[in-house]
N, C-alpha and C. Protein backbone atom coordinates (compact mmCIF):
# COMPACT_ATOMS: atom_id res chain seq x y z
N MET A 1 39.72 -129.12 47.66
CA MET A 1 40.71 -128.39 48.80
C MET A 1 39.76 -127.40 49.46
N LYS A 2 39.55 -127.93 50.70
CA LYS A 2 38.85 -126.70 51.74
C LYS A 2 39.64 -125.77 52.60
N LEU A 3 39.69 -124.56 52.14
CA LEU A 3 40.53 -123.66 52.88
C LEU A 3 40.08 -123.20 54.08
N ASN A 4 38.75 -123.14 54.43
CA ASN A 4 38.06 -122.83 55.57
C ASN A 4 38.32 -123.82 56.59
N LYS A 5 39.14 -124.52 56.72
CA LYS A 5 39.08 -125.37 57.81
C LYS A 5 40.26 -124.95 58.84
N PRO A 6 39.85 -125.41 60.13
CA PRO A 6 40.93 -124.92 61.18
C PRO A 6 42.45 -124.46 60.88
N GLU A 7 42.70 -125.68 60.24
CA GLU A 7 44.24 -125.25 60.19
C GLU A 7 44.79 -124.00 59.26
N TYR A 8 43.52 -123.53 58.50
CA TYR A 8 43.72 -122.53 57.76
C TYR A 8 43.35 -121.11 58.25
N GLN A 9 42.77 -121.23 59.69
CA GLN A 9 42.28 -119.99 60.09
C GLN A 9 43.30 -119.70 61.47
N ILE A 10 44.53 -120.15 61.31
CA ILE A 10 45.55 -119.67 62.33
C ILE A 10 45.85 -118.11 62.53
N HIS A 11 45.39 -117.12 61.80
CA HIS A 11 45.83 -115.74 62.06
C HIS A 11 44.52 -115.28 62.35
N GLN A 12 43.20 -115.75 62.54
CA GLN A 12 41.93 -115.20 63.17
C GLN A 12 42.16 -114.66 64.44
N GLN A 13 42.68 -115.25 65.32
CA GLN A 13 42.76 -114.84 66.80
C GLN A 13 43.87 -113.84 66.87
N TYR A 14 45.12 -113.75 65.85
CA TYR A 14 45.79 -112.86 66.16
C TYR A 14 45.13 -111.40 65.55
N LEU A 15 44.68 -111.43 64.30
CA LEU A 15 43.72 -110.31 64.00
C LEU A 15 42.69 -110.03 64.64
N LYS A 16 42.06 -110.65 65.52
CA LYS A 16 40.96 -110.33 66.63
C LYS A 16 41.69 -109.38 67.86
N GLU A 17 42.61 -109.85 68.13
CA GLU A 17 43.22 -109.42 69.26
C GLU A 17 43.91 -107.86 68.64
N ASN A 18 44.44 -107.81 67.56
CA ASN A 18 45.17 -106.59 67.17
C ASN A 18 44.05 -105.44 66.86
N CYS A 19 42.73 -106.14 66.33
CA CYS A 19 41.55 -105.02 66.07
C CYS A 19 41.17 -104.41 67.40
N GLU A 20 41.00 -105.32 68.62
CA GLU A 20 40.74 -105.18 69.69
C GLU A 20 41.72 -104.09 70.46
N ARG A 21 42.89 -104.30 70.33
CA ARG A 21 44.01 -103.34 70.64
C ARG A 21 43.77 -101.78 70.00
N LEU A 22 43.47 -101.75 68.93
CA LEU A 22 43.68 -100.68 67.93
C LEU A 22 42.16 -100.31 68.02
N ASN A 23 41.21 -100.97 68.79
CA ASN A 23 39.68 -100.24 68.64
C ASN A 23 39.28 -100.43 67.37
N ILE A 24 39.49 -101.35 66.54
CA ILE A 24 38.98 -101.60 65.39
C ILE A 24 37.90 -102.42 65.23
N GLN A 25 36.54 -102.64 64.75
CA GLN A 25 35.75 -103.46 64.53
C GLN A 25 36.23 -104.88 63.79
N PHE A 26 36.33 -105.85 64.56
CA PHE A 26 36.60 -107.26 63.95
C PHE A 26 35.52 -107.76 63.51
N ILE A 27 35.52 -108.33 62.31
CA ILE A 27 34.30 -108.95 61.53
C ILE A 27 34.62 -110.24 61.07
N ASP A 28 34.29 -111.47 61.74
CA ASP A 28 34.42 -112.45 61.46
C ASP A 28 33.86 -113.02 60.19
N LEU A 29 34.51 -113.42 59.11
CA LEU A 29 33.95 -113.92 57.98
C LEU A 29 33.60 -115.46 57.65
N THR A 30 34.27 -116.19 58.78
CA THR A 30 34.26 -117.62 58.49
C THR A 30 32.78 -118.13 58.21
N ASN A 31 31.99 -117.54 58.98
CA ASN A 31 30.54 -118.36 58.66
C ASN A 31 29.78 -117.76 57.31
N SER A 32 30.11 -117.00 56.78
CA SER A 32 29.78 -116.40 55.40
C SER A 32 30.52 -117.07 54.51
N ILE A 33 31.62 -117.35 54.51
CA ILE A 33 32.50 -118.15 53.47
C ILE A 33 31.97 -119.47 53.57
N LYS A 34 31.81 -120.21 54.75
CA LYS A 34 31.41 -121.67 54.95
C LYS A 34 30.15 -122.17 54.17
N GLU A 35 29.31 -121.05 54.55
CA GLU A 35 27.95 -121.21 54.17
C GLU A 35 27.72 -121.04 52.55
N LYS A 36 28.62 -120.29 51.70
CA LYS A 36 28.82 -120.39 50.52
C LYS A 36 29.47 -121.65 49.99
N GLU A 37 30.51 -121.84 50.35
CA GLU A 37 31.66 -123.08 50.01
C GLU A 37 30.46 -124.35 50.30
N SER A 38 29.59 -124.55 51.43
CA SER A 38 28.81 -125.44 51.62
C SER A 38 27.71 -125.69 50.62
N ASN A 39 27.33 -124.80 49.95
CA ASN A 39 26.27 -124.78 48.99
C ASN A 39 27.06 -124.74 47.56
N GLY A 40 28.14 -125.20 47.47
CA GLY A 40 29.05 -125.19 46.26
C GLY A 40 29.58 -124.39 45.58
N GLU A 41 29.61 -123.31 45.90
CA GLU A 41 30.05 -122.18 45.49
C GLU A 41 31.60 -122.09 45.69
N ARG A 42 32.40 -122.07 44.66
CA ARG A 42 33.76 -122.25 44.87
C ARG A 42 34.58 -120.53 45.10
N LEU A 43 34.96 -120.55 46.16
CA LEU A 43 35.58 -118.92 46.79
C LEU A 43 36.85 -119.05 46.13
N TYR A 44 37.61 -119.96 46.40
CA TYR A 44 39.00 -120.30 46.27
C TYR A 44 39.54 -120.78 44.96
N TRP A 45 40.87 -120.55 44.49
CA TRP A 45 41.41 -120.98 43.42
C TRP A 45 42.04 -122.56 44.08
N ASP A 46 41.94 -123.24 43.14
CA ASP A 46 42.29 -124.63 43.44
C ASP A 46 43.89 -124.92 43.76
N TYR A 47 44.80 -124.14 43.42
CA TYR A 47 46.14 -124.11 43.45
C TYR A 47 46.74 -123.42 44.66
N ASP A 48 45.84 -122.49 45.34
CA ASP A 48 46.75 -121.63 46.28
C ASP A 48 45.51 -121.03 47.18
N GLN A 49 45.80 -120.14 48.06
CA GLN A 49 44.71 -119.68 49.04
C GLN A 49 44.22 -118.67 48.50
N HIS A 50 44.22 -118.06 47.50
CA HIS A 50 43.93 -116.77 47.25
C HIS A 50 42.16 -116.85 46.76
N MET A 51 41.54 -116.19 47.10
CA MET A 51 40.02 -116.23 46.26
C MET A 51 40.00 -115.88 45.01
N ARG A 52 39.05 -116.44 44.50
CA ARG A 52 38.48 -116.12 42.98
C ARG A 52 37.68 -114.76 43.41
N ALA A 53 37.11 -113.90 42.20
CA ALA A 53 36.70 -112.61 42.13
C ALA A 53 35.30 -113.03 43.15
N LYS A 54 34.59 -113.82 43.03
CA LYS A 54 33.38 -114.21 43.96
C LYS A 54 33.71 -114.18 45.19
N GLY A 55 34.93 -114.91 45.71
CA GLY A 55 35.15 -114.77 47.08
C GLY A 55 35.07 -113.37 47.30
N TYR A 56 36.40 -112.55 46.92
CA TYR A 56 36.50 -111.25 47.25
C TYR A 56 35.27 -110.29 47.29
N GLN A 57 34.26 -110.50 46.53
CA GLN A 57 33.07 -109.86 46.39
C GLN A 57 32.14 -110.27 47.55
N LEU A 58 32.20 -111.39 47.95
CA LEU A 58 31.38 -111.57 49.21
C LEU A 58 31.95 -111.02 50.39
N VAL A 59 33.58 -111.12 50.26
CA VAL A 59 33.98 -110.56 51.61
C VAL A 59 34.01 -108.82 51.89
N GLY A 60 33.98 -108.26 50.55
CA GLY A 60 33.60 -106.76 50.52
C GLY A 60 32.21 -106.36 50.59
N GLU A 61 31.29 -107.16 50.32
CA GLU A 61 29.80 -106.94 50.51
C GLU A 61 29.57 -107.15 52.25
N THR A 62 30.30 -108.22 52.53
CA THR A 62 29.99 -108.52 53.98
C THR A 62 30.34 -107.47 54.91
N ILE A 63 31.70 -106.86 54.57
CA ILE A 63 32.10 -105.85 55.42
C ILE A 63 31.26 -104.57 55.23
N TRP A 64 31.05 -104.41 54.07
CA TRP A 64 30.40 -103.04 53.77
C TRP A 64 29.21 -103.04 54.50
N ASN A 65 28.24 -104.26 54.42
CA ASN A 65 26.96 -104.51 54.94
C ASN A 65 27.09 -104.46 56.70
N GLN A 66 28.16 -104.82 57.22
CA GLN A 66 28.30 -104.87 58.53
C GLN A 66 28.93 -103.42 59.09
N LEU A 67 29.33 -102.79 58.37
CA LEU A 67 29.76 -101.27 58.67
C LEU A 67 28.80 -100.49 58.42
N ASN A 68 27.89 -100.32 57.55
CA ASN A 68 26.75 -99.56 57.20
C ASN A 68 25.32 -99.78 57.77
């Protein structure tokens, strides 16, 4: 199951608009996640949309690196 397909990204525009309205930097993680998954790294559990520890680590590191 690929959870980074467009149908799973429906909240992305909503979050981006809210970040702009609140003057918060929006960080798009789509490409980082797609890159890892295309290399065979499984970032999500097979049975729902939650990430595995490796996925949350990638998200945290990406956000940290972009804000610092």
